[in-house]
Amino acid sequence: MSPVPTGRLLRTAVGTDLVLPRTFRAPVADVWASITEPERTARWFGPWEGEAAPGRTVKVQMAFEEEKPWFDLHIEACEPPRRLAVSSIDEFGSWRLELLLSEHRGTTELQFVHHLDDEDSIGEVGPGWEYYLDLLVASRDGSPTPDFDDYYPSMKAHYTGLTTATDREQG
């Protein structure tokens, strides 16, 4: 399998966003369930536990990482079935993420947005999110589970190239 990178960088008034889209032939409520219900997130990212609500923190397991680590995930906003904003801090920095859903005629568009603190690790972060979003797709449509080796390092050049391409477009 040779997945094609979909991410792009978007400069905003407050920084840079990495945006990755996915499209599903499904109602928005069903896709929302895939990104919010613990038994469904377990299929593509990992299970979570705790009381989920804006302002609360839940524990999430990264089930597709080698050591399957748990981490705290703070829920910044939850507006079913259209917007989920979460954040986390770990040894690699802060992670501020938004999942934005819109439906048109039975097709749901997911815009996954990573609000970047800096672009230094974009070559690793971009392929990682591509992998996880394709895991989401596979969990929903029954396609084969992707292999991370198909994403990294092959997508690294695409993502590191986005920083200079975006600078040229803005300049």
Protein backbone atom coordinates (compact mmCIF):
# COMPACT_ATOMS: atom_id res chain seq x y z
CA MET A 1 0.00 0.00 0.00
CA SER A 2 1.24 3.48 -0.86
CA PRO A 3 -1.02 5.99 0.88
CA VAL A 4 -1.07 9.51 -0.53
CA PRO A 5 -0.52 12.37 1.94
CA THR A 6 -3.56 14.62 2.32
CA GLY A 7 -2.35 17.16 4.87
CA ARG A 8 -1.87 20.84 4.24
CA LEU A 9 -0.71 23.74 6.34
CA LEU A 10 -2.92 26.71 6.95
CA ARG A 11 -1.52 29.91 8.41
CA THR A 12 -3.90 31.60 10.86
CA ALA A 13 -3.80 34.81 12.86
CA VAL A 14 -2.50 32.83 15.85
CA GLY A 15 -0.18 30.27 14.24
CA THR A 16 -0.16 27.34 11.87
CA ASP A 17 -2.70 24.54 11.54
CA LEU A 18 -2.07 21.14 10.03
CA VAL A 19 -5.34 20.11 8.36
CA LEU A 20 -6.09 16.56 7.19
CA PRO A 21 -9.44 15.65 5.59
CA ARG A 22 -11.29 12.37 5.38
CA THR A 23 -14.66 11.68 3.73
CA PHE A 24 -17.15 9.04 4.83
CA ARG A 25 -20.29 7.78 3.14
CA ALA A 26 -22.17 7.88 6.40
CA PRO A 27 -24.35 10.23 8.44
CA VAL A 28 -22.54 12.71 10.64
CA ALA A 29 -23.95 11.11 13.83
CA ASP A 30 -22.33 7.78 12.94
CA VAL A 31 -18.94 9.34 12.23
CA TRP A 32 -19.26 11.36 15.46
CA ALA A 33 -19.75 8.09 17.35
CA SER A 34 -16.53 6.75 15.80
CA ILE A 35 -14.53 9.64 17.25
CA THR A 36 -16.24 9.90 20.65
CA GLU A 37 -17.46 6.51 21.89
CA PRO A 38 -14.74 4.53 23.73
CA GLU A 39 -15.59 1.16 22.18
CA ARG A 40 -15.35 2.76 18.72
CA THR A 41 -12.24 4.86 19.34
CA ALA A 42 -10.60 1.63 20.56
CA ARG A 43 -10.82 0.31 16.98
CA TRP A 44 -8.62 3.04 15.48
CA PHE A 45 -6.85 5.01 18.21
CA GLY A 46 -7.47 3.50 21.59
CA PRO A 47 -10.04 3.26 24.34
CA TRP A 48 -10.65 6.01 26.84
CA GLU A 49 -12.12 6.18 30.30
CA GLY A 50 -13.46 8.88 32.54
CA GLU A 51 -16.28 11.37 32.56
CA ALA A 52 -16.24 13.09 29.17
CA ALA A 53 -17.49 16.67 29.12
CA PRO A 54 -16.10 20.09 28.26
CA GLY A 55 -13.59 21.13 30.91
CA ARG A 56 -12.99 17.52 31.99
CA THR A 57 -9.98 15.28 31.46
CA VAL A 58 -10.19 11.64 30.36
CA LYS A 59 -7.53 8.93 30.15
CA VAL A 60 -6.80 7.64 26.65
CA GLN A 61 -4.73 4.65 25.60
CA MET A 62 -2.75 4.73 22.36
CA ALA A 63 -3.52 1.13 21.43
CA PHE A 64 -1.53 1.19 18.19
CA GLU A 65 1.76 2.34 19.72
CA GLU A 66 4.42 -0.13 20.84
CA GLU A 67 3.96 0.22 24.59
CA LYS A 68 0.27 1.17 24.40
CA PRO A 69 0.73 4.18 26.70
CA TRP A 70 -2.07 6.00 28.51
CA PHE A 71 -2.23 9.80 28.60
CA ASP A 72 -4.49 12.56 29.86
CA LEU A 73 -6.69 14.27 27.27
CA HIS A 74 -8.47 17.49 28.21
CA ILE A 75 -11.78 18.17 26.48
CA GLU A 76 -11.81 21.84 25.49
CA ALA A 77 -15.11 21.78 23.58
CA CYS A 78 -17.69 19.18 22.60
CA GLU A 79 -20.47 20.24 20.25
CA PRO A 80 -22.15 17.04 19.02
CA PRO A 81 -22.08 16.04 16.25
CA ARG A 82 -19.99 18.80 14.67
CA ARG A 83 -16.94 19.75 16.76
CA LEU A 84 -14.61 18.15 19.27
CA ALA A 85 -11.62 20.11 20.57
CA VAL A 86 -9.09 18.43 22.86
CA SER A 87 -5.61 19.07 24.22
CA SER A 88 -2.79 17.19 25.89
CA ILE A 89 0.75 17.86 27.04
CA ASP A 90 3.52 15.28 26.95
CA GLU A 91 7.30 15.06 26.59
CA PHE A 92 6.97 16.03 22.92
CA GLY A 93 5.04 19.25 23.60
CA SER A 94 1.45 20.33 23.59
CA TRP A 95 -1.19 18.84 21.34
CA ARG A 96 -4.18 21.01 20.50
CA LEU A 97 -6.57 19.19 18.19
CA GLU A 98 -9.97 19.80 16.63
CA LEU A 99 -12.18 17.38 14.75
CA LEU A 100 -14.74 19.21 12.65
CA LEU A 101 -17.57 17.32 10.94
CA SER A 102 -20.01 18.41 8.27
CA GLU A 103 -22.59 16.38 6.36
CA HIS A 104 -23.98 16.88 2.89
CA ARG A 105 -26.40 14.36 1.32
CA GLY A 106 -25.33 11.43 3.48
CA THR A 107 -21.61 12.07 3.12
CA THR A 108 -19.64 13.33 6.11
CA GLU A 109 -16.45 15.33 5.80
CA LEU A 110 -14.02 15.20 8.72
CA GLN A 111 -11.46 17.99 8.99
CA PHE A 112 -8.79 16.96 11.49
CA VAL A 113 -6.93 20.07 12.67
CA HIS A 114 -3.71 20.04 14.69
CA HIS A 115 -2.97 23.55 15.96
CA LEU A 116 0.82 23.49 15.85
CA ASP A 117 3.03 25.21 18.42
CA ASP A 118 5.82 25.09 15.85
CA GLU A 119 6.57 23.30 12.61
CA ASP A 120 9.79 21.58 13.74
CA SER A 121 8.35 18.06 13.93
CA ILE A 122 5.88 18.29 11.04
CA GLY A 123 7.79 15.56 9.16
CA GLU A 124 6.90 13.07 11.90
CA VAL A 125 3.54 14.46 13.05
CA GLY A 126 1.93 14.59 9.60
CA PRO A 127 2.58 10.94 8.68
CA GLY A 128 1.42 9.90 12.16
CA TRP A 129 -1.95 11.60 11.78
CA GLU A 130 -2.34 10.20 8.25
CA TYR A 131 -1.82 6.73 9.73
CA TYR A 132 -4.33 7.22 12.53
CA LEU A 133 -6.95 8.72 10.24
CA ASP A 134 -6.54 5.81 7.84
CA LEU A 135 -6.98 3.50 10.84
CA LEU A 136 -10.27 5.32 11.44
CA VAL A 137 -11.27 4.72 7.81
CA ALA A 138 -10.32 1.03 8.06
CA SER A 139 -12.26 0.63 11.31
CA ARG A 140 -15.36 1.95 9.61
CA ASP A 141 -15.23 0.27 6.20
CA GLY A 142 -13.52 -3.03 7.04
CA SER A 143 -10.51 -2.37 4.82
CA PRO A 144 -7.14 -3.80 5.89
CA THR A 145 -5.44 -2.16 8.84
CA PRO A 146 -2.69 0.12 7.55
CA ASP A 147 0.97 -0.39 8.43
CA PHE A 148 2.80 2.62 9.86
CA ASP A 149 5.86 1.74 7.77
CA ASP A 150 3.82 2.76 4.70
CA TYR A 151 3.52 6.29 6.12
CA TYR A 152 6.86 7.02 7.69
CA PRO A 153 9.43 7.86 6.48
CA SER A 154 7.90 7.94 2.97
CA MET A 155 5.60 10.90 3.77
CA LYS A 156 8.20 12.89 5.69
CA ALA A 157 9.40 14.85 2.64
CA HIS A 158 5.84 15.87 1.76
CA TYR A 159 5.29 17.30 5.22
CA THR A 160 8.62 19.04 5.61
CA GLY A 161 8.06 20.51 2.15
CA LEU A 162 4.78 22.03 3.27
CA THR A 163 6.54 24.50 5.54
CA THR A 164 8.55 26.08 2.73
CA ALA A 165 5.66 25.88 0.22
CA THR A 166 3.33 27.63 2.67
CA ASP A 167 5.96 30.30 3.34
CA ARG A 168 6.27 30.94 -0.43
CA GLU A 169 2.51 31.20 -0.79
CA GLN A 170 2.26 33.62 2.14
CA GLY A 171 5.28 35.71 1.12
